[in-house]
Amino acid sequence: MDNTIYIILGGLALVYFVVLFYNKRNTRKRKSRKFMEGKRRHEK
């Protein structure tokens, strides 16, 4: 009984970290794109 609880918690933590990592990668791409656009605007 105790082991199943730890396995479920471990699985949820794994899914959470995967989603977090995936979101970080996507936001980084978006941020860099916005940053480049902002730089171009400032130069003009």
C-alpha atoms as a PDB file:
ATOM      1  CA  MET A   1       0.000   0.000   0.000  1.00  0.00           C
ATOM      2  CA  ASP A   2       2.728   2.477   0.997  1.00  0.00           C
ATOM      3  CA  ASN A   3       4.794   1.711  -2.112  1.00  0.00           C
ATOM      4  CA  THR A   4       1.931   2.466  -4.511  1.00  0.00           C
ATOM      5  CA  ILE A   5       1.507   5.953  -2.997  1.00  0.00           C
ATOM      6  CA  TYR A   6       5.215   6.710  -3.576  1.00  0.00           C
ATOM      7  CA  ILE A   7       5.027   5.355  -7.138  1.00  0.00           C
ATOM      8  CA  ILE A   8       2.008   7.568  -7.927  1.00  0.00           C
ATOM      9  CA  LEU A   9       3.695  10.644  -6.396  1.00  0.00           C
ATOM     10  CA  GLY A  10       6.883   9.885  -8.335  1.00  0.00           C
ATOM     11  CA  GLY A  11       4.937   9.612 -11.596  1.00  0.00           C
ATOM     12  CA  LEU A  12       3.124  12.886 -10.981  1.00  0.00           C
ATOM     13  CA  ALA A  13       6.415  14.636 -10.157  1.00  0.00           C
ATOM     14  CA  LEU A  14       7.969  13.266 -13.363  1.00  0.00           C
ATOM     15  CA  VAL A  15       5.046  14.501 -15.491  1.00  0.00           C
ATOM     16  CA  TYR A  16       5.189  17.897 -13.739  1.00  0.00           C
ATOM     17  CA  PHE A  17       8.914  18.317 -14.444  1.00  0.00           C
ATOM     18  CA  VAL A  18       8.478  17.275 -18.087  1.00  0.00           C
ATOM     19  CA  VAL A  19       5.681  19.842 -18.567  1.00  0.00           C
ATOM     20  CA  LEU A  20       7.746  22.505 -16.771  1.00  0.00           C
ATOM     21  CA  PHE A  21      10.789  21.818 -18.989  1.00  0.00           C
ATOM     22  CA  TYR A  22       8.626  21.869 -22.153  1.00  0.00           C
ATOM     23  CA  ASN A  23       7.022  25.185 -21.164  1.00  0.00           C
ATOM     24  CA  LYS A  24      10.404  26.747 -20.326  1.00  0.00           C
ATOM     25  CA  ARG A  25      11.749  25.844 -23.770  1.00  0.00           C
ATOM     26  CA  ASN A  26       8.712  27.360 -25.507  1.00  0.00           C
ATOM     27  CA  THR A  27       8.743  30.578 -23.455  1.00  0.00           C
ATOM     28  CA  ARG A  28      12.505  30.973 -24.042  1.00  0.00           C
ATOM     29  CA  LYS A  29      11.922  30.847 -27.820  1.00  0.00           C
ATOM     30  CA  ARG A  30       9.124  33.403 -27.542  1.00  0.00           C
ATOM     31  CA  LYS A  31      11.167  35.701 -25.262  1.00  0.00           C
ATOM     32  CA  SER A  32      14.207  35.639 -27.554  1.00  0.00           C
ATOM     33  CA  ARG A  33      11.984  36.454 -30.538  1.00  0.00           C
ATOM     34  CA  LYS A  34      10.384  39.382 -28.685  1.00  0.00           C
ATOM     35  CA  PHE A  35      13.817  40.565 -27.519  1.00  0.00           C
ATOM     36  CA  MET A  36      15.143  40.595 -31.087  1.00  0.00           C
ATOM     37  CA  GLU A  37      12.076  42.487 -32.315  1.00  0.00           C
ATOM     38  CA  GLY A  38      12.485  45.002 -29.479  1.00  0.00           C
ATOM     39  CA  LYS A  39      16.138  45.562 -30.387  1.00  0.00           C
ATOM     40  CA  ARG A  40      15.276  46.224 -34.020  1.00  0.00           C
ATOM     41  CA  ARG A  41      12.601  48.710 -32.967  1.00  0.00           C
ATOM     42  CA  HIS A  42      15.046  50.523 -30.664  1.00  0.00           C
ATOM     43  CA  GLU A  43      17.645  50.814 -33.437  1.00  0.00           C
ATOM     44  CA  LYS A  44      15.105  52.445 -35.747  1.00  0.00           C
END
